[in-house]
Amino acid sequence: MPEIRVAGEAGACYGVERALQMVESAAAEGAGVVHTLGPLIHNPRVISDLAARGVDAVGSPEEAAGDTLLLRTHGTVPEEEARARELCSRVLDATCPFVKKVHLAAERLSSEGYQVVVVGEAGHPEVEATLPHAPGAVVVGSAEQAAALPHARKVGVVVQTTARRALLAEVVEALLGVAEEVRVINTICEATSGHQAAAERLAREADVMIVIGGRISANTTRLAEISAACCPRTHHVEGADELRAEWFSGADLIGITAGASTPASQIEAVRTEIERMVGA
């Protein structure tokens, strides 16, 4: 029978666990209708479970007027948070503490006269929530984009918490060619780095890798990319029902990792289903 091994660091991070506890507590209190401003986390299965319990995601504070509203883990632009506090009976801030560190870092660099560069994915909720903290900040997603920036005397860099360290290094190297001074505040979350390193170690040994998490989750997608680079038989699933028995044919070691928005219960469900499929 094949060995089934879960990566040493995998699944829900501190920020996600904290947010889930907050929404669970708010819903259990029964003190009115509870909403989240946008999807609380990037995990469609969790969001569906919350919706089934009456906790729905809204697109604006206006849709939650008079009710309880949780601000998503990825952060919220200041203007939207202010409107939420004006309109809603209660506002709970589930923004990940590590995301708040990015906001503070961007503010500090901007106040010190740096042109702020946010390394990450343009349009990602976390990045969009960071930009207002440094007026004039620009988003850079590759070394090529960094090299194309206009010359600047002082450039300050912050990073999307789920970005790859390799991307940060590439961007900084490119910025050295367009700026006289480059100051970097590395805001990549330690949990993200740990997940990625553990996934890579396991993928180098595994015959098959299963990556669990939302397909819209940036950090889960990166885990899938890292795993696939080391283990071609990598499959990204959102739940146990997507597994296929033929994926495990001839495998001696089946590896499992999971994104930072994946609860332990989903990891266990996948492991149990794989055990059933391979007869372990």
Protein backbone atom coordinates (compact mmCIF):
# COMPACT_ATOMS: atom_id res chain seq x y z
CA MET A 1 0.00 0.00 0.00
CA PRO A 2 1.27 3.52 -0.73
CA GLU A 3 2.29 5.87 2.05
CA ILE A 4 0.11 8.94 2.44
CA ARG A 5 1.93 11.91 3.95
CA VAL A 6 0.73 15.43 4.76
CA ALA A 7 3.31 18.20 4.43
CA GLY A 8 4.84 19.35 7.70
CA GLU A 9 3.24 22.78 7.31
CA ALA A 10 -0.12 22.83 5.56
CA GLY A 11 -3.61 24.21 5.93
CA ALA A 12 -5.25 27.13 7.68
CA CYS A 13 -2.89 29.80 8.96
CA TYR A 14 -3.32 31.93 12.09
CA GLY A 15 -5.15 34.72 10.25
CA VAL A 16 -7.69 32.33 8.74
CA GLU A 17 -8.24 30.44 11.98
CA ARG A 18 -8.78 33.76 13.75
CA ALA A 19 -11.29 34.92 11.14
CA LEU A 20 -13.23 31.65 11.27
CA GLN A 21 -13.40 31.83 15.06
CA MET A 22 -14.69 35.39 14.83
CA VAL A 23 -17.46 34.52 12.39
CA GLU A 24 -18.37 31.40 14.37
CA SER A 25 -18.70 33.45 17.55
CA ALA A 26 -20.71 36.18 15.84
CA ALA A 27 -23.12 33.65 14.33
CA ALA A 28 -23.47 31.74 17.61
CA GLU A 29 -24.35 34.86 19.58
CA GLY A 30 -27.59 35.17 17.65
CA ALA A 31 -27.56 38.93 17.95
CA GLY A 32 -28.88 39.59 14.46
CA VAL A 33 -27.92 38.95 10.87
CA VAL A 34 -24.21 38.45 10.14
CA HIS A 35 -22.50 39.30 6.85
CA THR A 36 -18.92 39.35 5.56
CA LEU A 37 -17.61 42.12 3.33
CA GLY A 38 -16.66 40.02 0.32
CA PRO A 39 -15.69 36.36 0.78
CA LEU A 40 -14.17 36.04 4.26
CA ILE A 41 -11.41 33.79 2.88
CA HIS A 42 -10.59 32.34 -0.55
CA ASN A 43 -12.17 28.94 0.03
CA PRO A 44 -15.48 28.38 -1.83
CA ARG A 45 -16.38 25.33 0.29
CA VAL A 46 -16.07 27.30 3.53
CA ILE A 47 -17.98 30.23 2.07
CA SER A 48 -20.79 27.88 0.99
CA ASP A 49 -20.92 26.37 4.48
CA LEU A 50 -21.18 29.84 6.02
CA ALA A 51 -23.94 30.81 3.57
CA ALA A 52 -25.89 27.70 4.52
CA ARG A 53 -25.77 28.93 8.11
CA GLY A 54 -27.04 32.36 7.14
CA VAL A 55 -23.68 34.19 6.95
CA ASP A 56 -23.56 35.67 3.47
CA ALA A 57 -20.94 37.71 1.64
CA VAL A 58 -22.00 41.20 0.56
CA GLY A 59 -20.36 43.50 -1.94
CA SER A 60 -20.66 46.74 0.00
CA PRO A 61 -21.39 48.04 3.53
CA GLU A 62 -24.70 49.39 2.23
CA GLU A 63 -25.94 45.82 1.76
CA ALA A 64 -25.32 45.10 5.45
CA ALA A 65 -26.78 48.30 6.87
CA GLY A 66 -28.11 47.73 10.38
CA ASP A 67 -26.55 44.28 10.68
CA THR A 68 -23.24 42.81 11.85
CA LEU A 69 -20.43 42.96 9.26
CA LEU A 70 -17.07 41.19 9.32
CA LEU A 71 -14.22 42.73 7.35
CA ARG A 72 -12.47 40.04 5.29
CA THR A 73 -9.04 38.62 6.08
CA HIS A 74 -7.51 40.31 3.01
CA GLY A 75 -8.24 43.77 4.37
CA THR A 76 -10.51 46.62 3.33
CA VAL A 77 -9.80 50.05 1.92
CA PRO A 78 -10.11 52.72 4.64
CA GLU A 79 -13.05 54.49 2.99
CA GLU A 80 -15.05 51.27 2.86
CA GLU A 81 -14.30 50.48 6.49
CA ALA A 82 -15.43 53.97 7.49
CA ARG A 83 -18.73 53.49 5.65
CA ALA A 84 -19.19 50.13 7.34
CA ARG A 85 -18.78 51.70 10.79
CA GLU A 86 -21.34 54.35 9.92
CA LEU A 87 -23.96 52.00 8.50
CA CYS A 88 -23.68 48.71 10.38
CA SER A 89 -24.78 47.96 13.91
CA ARG A 90 -21.49 46.17 14.59
CA VAL A 91 -18.24 45.84 12.62
CA LEU A 92 -15.76 43.07 13.39
CA ASP A 93 -12.31 43.40 11.83
CA ALA A 94 -11.12 39.99 10.66
CA THR A 95 -8.21 41.44 8.67
CA CYS A 96 -5.19 39.20 9.10
CA PRO A 97 -2.67 40.84 11.47
CA PHE A 98 0.09 40.13 8.95
CA VAL A 99 -1.85 42.04 6.28
CA LYS A 100 -2.13 44.97 8.67
CA LYS A 101 1.67 44.93 8.92
CA VAL A 102 1.81 45.48 5.15
CA HIS A 103 -0.47 48.50 5.51
CA LEU A 104 1.68 49.99 8.27
CA ALA A 105 4.87 49.35 6.30
CA ALA A 106 3.43 51.04 3.21
CA GLU A 107 2.33 54.03 5.29
CA ARG A 108 5.76 54.36 6.89
CA LEU A 109 7.62 54.22 3.58
CA SER A 110 5.26 56.73 2.00
CA SER A 111 5.62 59.14 4.94
CA GLU A 112 9.41 58.94 4.56
CA GLY A 113 9.26 60.02 0.94
CA TYR A 114 9.64 56.69 -0.83
CA GLN A 115 7.85 55.79 -4.04
CA VAL A 116 6.06 52.69 -2.78
CA VAL A 117 6.07 49.53 -4.87
CA VAL A 118 3.74 46.70 -3.85
CA VAL A 119 5.02 43.36 -5.11
CA GLY A 120 2.04 41.15 -5.81
CA GLU A 121 -0.98 40.52 -8.00
CA ALA A 122 -2.78 43.54 -9.37
CA GLY A 123 -6.46 43.31 -8.51
CA HIS A 124 -6.01 40.90 -5.61
CA PRO A 125 -8.11 42.05 -2.61
CA GLU A 126 -5.09 42.22 -0.31
CA VAL A 127 -3.14 44.35 -2.77
CA GLU A 128 -6.12 46.61 -3.45
CA ALA A 129 -6.57 47.15 0.30
CA THR A 130 -2.88 48.07 0.64
CA LEU A 131 -2.66 50.71 -2.10
CA PRO A 132 -4.67 53.47 -0.32
CA HIS A 133 -2.18 53.37 2.55
CA ALA A 134 0.51 54.80 0.24
CA PRO A 135 -0.88 57.35 -2.24
CA GLY A 136 0.76 56.91 -5.62
CA ALA A 137 1.88 53.35 -4.90
CA VAL A 138 2.26 51.02 -7.87
CA VAL A 139 1.80 47.26 -8.14
CA VAL A 140 4.55 45.15 -9.69
CA GLY A 141 4.04 41.48 -10.49
CA SER A 142 7.30 40.65 -12.28
CA ALA A 143 10.90 41.74 -12.74
CA GLU A 144 9.99 42.98 -16.22
CA GLN A 145 7.35 45.31 -14.82
CA ALA A 146 9.80 46.57 -12.21
CA ALA A 147 12.47 47.29 -14.83
CA ALA A 148 9.94 49.29 -16.85
CA LEU A 149 9.19 51.74 -14.02
CA PRO A 150 10.38 55.32 -14.43
CA HIS A 151 13.57 56.37 -12.67
CA ALA A 152 13.06 57.24 -9.01
CA ARG A 153 15.40 58.49 -6.30
CA LYS A 154 13.91 56.46 -3.46
CA VAL A 155 11.82 53.30 -3.89
CA GLY A 156 10.28 51.46 -0.94
CA VAL A 157 9.05 47.90 -1.36
CA VAL A 158 6.36 45.95 0.48
CA VAL A 159 5.09 42.54 -0.54
CA GLN A 160 1.77 40.72 -0.75
CA THR A 161 1.84 38.30 2.19
CA THR A 162 1.40 35.25 -0.05
CA ALA A 163 4.06 36.16 -2.65
CA ARG A 164 7.04 33.96 -3.45
CA ARG A 165 10.41 34.96 -2.01
CA ALA A 166 11.95 34.31 -5.42
CA LEU A 167 9.63 36.90 -6.99
CA LEU A 168 10.60 39.48 -4.38
CA ALA A 169 14.31 38.87 -5.07
CA GLU A 170 13.79 39.20 -8.83
CA VAL A 171 11.83 42.44 -8.48
CA VAL A 172 14.33 44.01 -6.09
CA GLU A 173 17.21 43.19 -8.45
CA ALA A 174 15.33 44.89 -11.29
CA LEU A 175 14.52 47.94 -9.13
CA LEU A 176 18.20 48.46 -8.42
CA GLY A 177 18.49 49.47 -12.05
CA VAL A 178 15.82 52.18 -11.88
CA ALA A 179 16.26 53.66 -8.40
CA GLU A 180 19.09 55.31 -6.52
CA GLU A 181 17.91 53.82 -3.25
CA VAL A 182 15.78 50.71 -2.69
CA ARG A 183 14.42 49.93 0.76
CA VAL A 184 12.67 46.61 1.25
CA ILE A 185 10.30 45.66 4.04
CA ASN A 186 9.73 41.95 3.57
CA THR A 187 6.10 41.43 4.50
CA ILE A 188 5.77 37.88 3.18
CA CYS A 189 3.96 35.87 5.84
CA GLU A 190 6.11 33.26 7.57
CA ALA A 191 3.27 30.76 7.28
CA THR A 192 3.26 31.23 3.51
CA SER A 193 7.00 30.62 3.28
CA GLY A 194 6.72 27.59 5.55
CA HIS A 195 3.88 26.11 3.51
CA GLN A 196 5.83 26.57 0.29
CA ALA A 197 9.07 25.10 1.63
CA ALA A 198 7.29 22.08 3.15
CA ALA A 199 5.34 21.47 -0.08
CA GLU A 200 8.52 21.56 -2.14
CA ARG A 201 10.32 19.12 0.17
CA LEU A 202 7.43 16.67 0.04
CA ALA A 203 6.90 17.06 -3.72
CA ARG A 204 10.53 16.12 -4.39
CA GLU A 205 9.88 12.74 -2.77
CA ALA A 206 6.26 12.07 -3.75
CA ASP A 207 4.97 10.21 -6.78
CA VAL A 208 1.67 12.09 -6.59
CA MET A 209 0.86 15.41 -4.92
CA ILE A 210 -2.59 16.59 -3.92
CA VAL A 211 -2.96 20.32 -3.24
CA ILE A 212 -6.17 21.29 -1.41
CA GLY A 213 -7.73 24.73 -1.52
CA GLY A 214 -9.78 27.20 -3.47
CA ARG A 215 -8.85 27.71 -7.10
CA ILE A 216 -9.20 31.45 -6.52
CA SER A 217 -6.71 31.27 -3.63
CA ALA A 218 -3.38 32.85 -4.59
CA ASN A 219 -1.36 30.97 -1.99
CA THR A 220 -2.94 27.61 -2.90
CA THR A 221 -2.26 28.20 -6.58
CA ARG A 222 1.39 28.86 -5.76
CA LEU A 223 1.57 25.63 -3.77
CA ALA A 224 0.24 23.80 -6.83
CA GLU A 225 2.85 25.48 -9.05
CA ILE A 226 5.68 24.63 -6.65
CA SER A 227 4.49 21.04 -6.31
CA ALA A 228 4.06 20.56 -10.06
CA ALA A 229 7.60 21.79 -10.70
CA CYS A 230 8.92 18.92 -8.55
CA CYS A 231 6.17 16.34 -9.04
CA PRO A 232 4.45 16.33 -12.46
CA ARG A 233 1.58 14.25 -11.07
CA THR A 234 0.22 17.16 -9.05
CA HIS A 235 -3.53 17.71 -8.74
CA HIS A 236 -5.24 20.79 -7.27
CA VAL A 237 -8.62 20.02 -5.71
CA GLU A 238 -11.09 21.97 -3.63
CA GLY A 239 -12.48 18.91 -1.86
CA ALA A 240 -12.40 15.13 -1.52
CA ASP A 241 -15.20 14.69 -4.08
CA GLU A 242 -12.82 15.81 -6.86
CA LEU A 243 -10.30 13.01 -6.26
CA ARG A 244 -9.91 10.28 -8.90
CA ALA A 245 -8.63 6.80 -8.05
CA GLU A 246 -6.59 6.55 -11.27
CA TRP A 247 -4.39 9.42 -10.14
CA PHE A 248 -2.76 7.14 -7.55
CA SER A 249 -1.99 4.17 -9.78
CA GLY A 250 1.53 2.88 -9.13
CA ALA A 251 2.30 5.50 -6.49
CA ASP A 252 4.47 4.58 -3.51
CA LEU A 253 4.24 7.97 -1.80
CA ILE A 254 1.22 10.25 -2.03
CA GLY A 255 1.81 13.75 -0.70
CA ILE A 256 -0.83 16.19 0.53
CA THR A 257 -0.52 19.90 1.11
CA ALA A 258 -3.13 22.61 1.54
CA GLY A 259 -3.44 26.37 1.23
CA ALA A 260 -3.65 28.79 4.11
CA SER A 261 -7.45 29.01 3.73
CA THR A 262 -7.99 25.25 4.04
CA PRO A 263 -9.36 24.03 7.39
CA ALA A 264 -8.01 20.84 8.96
CA SER A 265 -11.36 19.12 8.39
CA GLN A 266 -10.93 19.41 4.61
CA ILE A 267 -7.41 17.98 4.76
CA GLU A 268 -8.64 15.05 6.83
CA ALA A 269 -11.53 14.42 4.43
CA VAL A 270 -9.11 14.24 1.50
CA ARG A 271 -6.72 11.96 3.36
CA THR A 272 -9.58 9.62 4.34
CA GLU A 273 -10.88 9.45 0.77
CA ILE A 274 -7.42 8.68 -0.62
CA GLU A 275 -7.02 5.90 1.95
CA ARG A 276 -10.33 4.46 0.78
CA MET A 277 -9.32 4.66 -2.87
CA VAL A 278 -5.94 2.98 -2.46
CA GLY A 279 -7.07 0.52 0.19
CA ALA A 280 -4.66 1.83 2.80
